[in-house]
Amino acid sequence: MWKHKLGEGSLFTSKYKLTILIYAEEYDNIGDAIAMEKQLKNWHKQWKWNLVKQNNPKLEDWYFTLKGW
């Protein structure tokens, strides 16, 4: 995540200047996380926005919260 903030992340993140983490989920099992990621890829854009706004209505950057800062 820090590399994204520095603009050194993937080409997609660098191109679109994606530096704010507005949503994340934690899983105990990597298989569950991958399954959810695949499921989300099939969702409509509005469904994804509703999920984000339900959990982070102010669209605050969660980076420092998740890092425990």
N, C-alpha and C. Protein backbone atom coordinates (compact mmCIF):
# COMPACT_ATOMS: atom_id res chain seq x y z
N MET A 1 0.83 -1.19 0.00
CA MET A 1 0.00 0.00 0.00
C MET A 1 0.87 1.25 0.00
N TRP A 2 1.97 1.23 0.74
CA TRP A 2 2.84 2.40 0.79
C TRP A 2 3.37 2.74 -0.60
N LYS A 3 3.71 1.73 -1.39
CA LYS A 3 4.19 1.98 -2.76
C LYS A 3 3.12 2.70 -3.59
N HIS A 4 1.86 2.35 -3.37
CA HIS A 4 0.79 3.04 -4.09
C HIS A 4 0.77 4.52 -3.69
N LYS A 5 0.94 4.80 -2.41
CA LYS A 5 0.94 6.19 -1.94
C LYS A 5 2.09 6.98 -2.56
N LEU A 6 3.20 6.29 -2.82
CA LEU A 6 4.36 6.95 -3.43
C LEU A 6 4.28 6.99 -4.96
N GLY A 7 3.22 6.41 -5.51
CA GLY A 7 3.07 6.38 -6.96
C GLY A 7 3.91 5.29 -7.61
N GLU A 8 4.35 4.32 -6.81
CA GLU A 8 5.21 3.25 -7.32
C GLU A 8 4.48 1.91 -7.37
N GLY A 9 3.17 1.93 -7.27
CA GLY A 9 2.40 0.68 -7.30
C GLY A 9 2.31 0.13 -8.71
N SER A 10 1.28 -0.62 -8.98
CA SER A 10 1.09 -1.18 -10.32
C SER A 10 0.89 -0.06 -11.35
N LEU A 11 0.96 -0.43 -12.61
CA LEU A 11 0.76 0.57 -13.66
C LEU A 11 -0.63 1.20 -13.57
N PHE A 12 -1.63 0.38 -13.25
CA PHE A 12 -2.99 0.89 -13.12
C PHE A 12 -3.08 1.94 -12.02
N THR A 13 -2.49 1.64 -10.86
CA THR A 13 -2.55 2.60 -9.74
C THR A 13 -1.75 3.85 -10.04
N SER A 14 -0.62 3.70 -10.68
CA SER A 14 0.19 4.87 -11.04
C SER A 14 -0.53 5.74 -12.06
N LYS A 15 -1.12 5.11 -13.06
CA LYS A 15 -1.80 5.86 -14.12
C LYS A 15 -2.98 6.66 -13.59
N TYR A 16 -3.77 6.06 -12.70
CA TYR A 16 -4.98 6.72 -12.21
C TYR A 16 -4.81 7.38 -10.84
N LYS A 17 -3.58 7.41 -10.34
CA LYS A 17 -3.26 8.09 -9.07
C LYS A 17 -4.13 7.58 -7.91
N LEU A 18 -4.23 6.26 -7.81
CA LEU A 18 -5.02 5.64 -6.74
C LEU A 18 -4.16 5.51 -5.49
N THR A 19 -4.37 6.42 -4.54
CA THR A 19 -3.52 6.44 -3.35
C THR A 19 -4.31 6.38 -2.05
N ILE A 20 -5.63 6.31 -2.13
CA ILE A 20 -6.45 6.32 -0.92
C ILE A 20 -7.16 4.97 -0.79
N LEU A 21 -7.04 4.36 0.37
CA LEU A 21 -7.71 3.09 0.65
C LEU A 21 -9.05 3.40 1.30
N ILE A 22 -10.14 3.14 0.59
CA ILE A 22 -11.46 3.47 1.12
C ILE A 22 -12.24 2.24 1.56
N TYR A 23 -11.73 1.04 1.23
CA TYR A 23 -12.43 -0.17 1.64
C TYR A 23 -11.45 -1.34 1.69
N ALA A 24 -11.63 -2.18 2.68
CA ALA A 24 -10.82 -3.40 2.80
C ALA A 24 -11.58 -4.40 3.65
N GLU A 25 -11.30 -5.65 3.43
CA GLU A 25 -11.86 -6.72 4.25
C GLU A 25 -10.71 -7.60 4.71
N GLU A 26 -10.85 -8.16 5.89
CA GLU A 26 -9.83 -9.05 6.44
C GLU A 26 -10.37 -10.47 6.49
N TYR A 27 -9.57 -11.42 6.07
CA TYR A 27 -9.94 -12.83 6.06
C TYR A 27 -8.85 -13.65 6.75
N ASP A 28 -9.26 -14.70 7.42
CA ASP A 28 -8.32 -15.62 8.04
C ASP A 28 -7.76 -16.61 7.01
N ASN A 29 -8.51 -16.81 5.94
CA ASN A 29 -8.16 -17.82 4.95
C ASN A 29 -8.00 -17.15 3.59
N ILE A 30 -6.86 -17.34 2.94
CA ILE A 30 -6.60 -16.71 1.65
C ILE A 30 -7.60 -17.17 0.59
N GLY A 31 -8.06 -18.41 0.68
CA GLY A 31 -9.04 -18.92 -0.26
C GLY A 31 -10.35 -18.15 -0.19
N ASP A 32 -10.77 -17.80 1.04
CA ASP A 32 -11.99 -17.01 1.21
C ASP A 32 -11.82 -15.61 0.62
N ALA A 33 -10.64 -15.03 0.82
CA ALA A 33 -10.37 -13.69 0.29
C ALA A 33 -10.40 -13.69 -1.24
N ILE A 34 -9.80 -14.68 -1.84
CA ILE A 34 -9.78 -14.77 -3.31
C ILE A 34 -11.19 -15.00 -3.84
N ALA A 35 -11.96 -15.84 -3.17
CA ALA A 35 -13.34 -16.09 -3.59
C ALA A 35 -14.17 -14.81 -3.55
N MET A 36 -14.01 -14.02 -2.50
CA MET A 36 -14.75 -12.76 -2.39
C MET A 36 -14.30 -11.77 -3.47
N GLU A 37 -13.00 -11.71 -3.73
CA GLU A 37 -12.50 -10.82 -4.78
C GLU A 37 -13.10 -11.19 -6.14
N LYS A 38 -13.18 -12.47 -6.43
CA LYS A 38 -13.77 -12.92 -7.70
C LYS A 38 -15.26 -12.59 -7.75
N GLN A 39 -15.93 -12.73 -6.61
CA GLN A 39 -17.35 -12.40 -6.55
C GLN A 39 -17.57 -10.90 -6.80
N LEU A 40 -16.75 -10.07 -6.18
CA LEU A 40 -16.88 -8.62 -6.34
C LEU A 40 -16.64 -8.18 -7.79
N LYS A 41 -15.77 -8.87 -8.49
CA LYS A 41 -15.50 -8.51 -9.89
C LYS A 41 -16.74 -8.67 -10.76
N ASN A 42 -17.67 -9.50 -10.33
CA ASN A 42 -18.91 -9.70 -11.10
C ASN A 42 -20.03 -8.75 -10.69
N TRP A 43 -19.80 -7.97 -9.65
CA TRP A 43 -20.83 -7.04 -9.18
C TRP A 43 -20.91 -5.82 -10.09
N HIS A 44 -22.07 -5.20 -10.14
CA HIS A 44 -22.24 -3.93 -10.83
C HIS A 44 -21.52 -2.83 -10.03
N LYS A 45 -21.14 -1.79 -10.72
CA LYS A 45 -20.42 -0.68 -10.09
C LYS A 45 -21.20 -0.10 -8.91
N GLN A 46 -22.51 0.07 -9.08
CA GLN A 46 -23.33 0.66 -8.01
C GLN A 46 -23.35 -0.23 -6.78
N TRP A 47 -23.37 -1.54 -6.96
CA TRP A 47 -23.35 -2.46 -5.81
C TRP A 47 -22.05 -2.30 -5.03
N LYS A 48 -20.94 -2.14 -5.76
CA LYS A 48 -19.64 -1.94 -5.10
C LYS A 48 -19.63 -0.63 -4.32
N TRP A 49 -20.15 0.43 -4.95
CA TRP A 49 -20.21 1.73 -4.27
C TRP A 49 -21.07 1.65 -3.01
N ASN A 50 -22.17 0.94 -3.09
CA ASN A 50 -23.04 0.78 -1.91
C ASN A 50 -22.31 0.07 -0.79
N LEU A 51 -21.54 -0.94 -1.12
CA LEU A 51 -20.74 -1.66 -0.12
C LEU A 51 -19.73 -0.73 0.54
N VAL A 52 -19.04 0.06 -0.25
CA VAL A 52 -18.05 1.00 0.28
C VAL A 52 -18.72 2.05 1.16
N LYS A 53 -19.79 2.67 0.65
CA LYS A 53 -20.45 3.75 1.39
C LYS A 53 -21.11 3.25 2.68
N GLN A 54 -21.54 2.01 2.68
CA GLN A 54 -22.13 1.44 3.89
C GLN A 54 -21.08 1.32 5.00
N ASN A 55 -19.85 1.01 4.64
CA ASN A 55 -18.79 0.80 5.61
C ASN A 55 -17.91 2.03 5.84
N ASN A 56 -17.89 2.93 4.88
CA ASN A 56 -17.04 4.12 4.97
C ASN A 56 -17.76 5.30 4.30
N PRO A 57 -18.84 5.79 4.93
CA PRO A 57 -19.68 6.82 4.29
C PRO A 57 -18.94 8.13 3.98
N LYS A 58 -17.90 8.45 4.72
CA LYS A 58 -17.16 9.69 4.46
C LYS A 58 -16.00 9.48 3.49
N LEU A 59 -15.83 8.25 3.01
CA LEU A 59 -14.74 7.89 2.09
C LEU A 59 -13.37 8.30 2.65
N GLU A 60 -13.19 8.04 3.92
CA GLU A 60 -11.93 8.37 4.58
C GLU A 60 -10.85 7.36 4.19
N ASP A 61 -9.60 7.80 4.23
CA ASP A 61 -8.47 6.92 3.93
C ASP A 61 -8.24 5.99 5.11
N TRP A 62 -8.38 4.70 4.89
CA TRP A 62 -8.23 3.71 5.95
C TRP A 62 -6.79 3.23 6.11
N TYR A 63 -5.89 3.71 5.29
CA TYR A 63 -4.51 3.20 5.33
C TYR A 63 -3.92 3.24 6.73
N PHE A 64 -3.93 4.40 7.35
CA PHE A 64 -3.30 4.53 8.66
C PHE A 64 -4.08 3.78 9.75
N THR A 65 -5.37 3.67 9.60
CA THR A 65 -6.19 2.91 10.54
C THR A 65 -5.82 1.44 10.50
N LEU A 66 -5.69 0.88 9.30
CA LEU A 66 -5.39 -0.53 9.17
C LEU A 66 -3.95 -0.85 9.56
N LYS A 67 -3.07 0.11 9.41
CA LYS A 67 -1.68 -0.11 9.80
C LYS A 67 -1.48 0.06 11.30
N GLY A 68 -2.53 0.49 12.01
CA GLY A 68 -2.44 0.66 13.44
C GLY A 68 -1.71 1.93 13.87
N TRP A 69 -1.73 2.96 13.00
CA TRP A 69 -1.01 4.21 13.32
C TRP A 69 -1.85 5.12 14.16
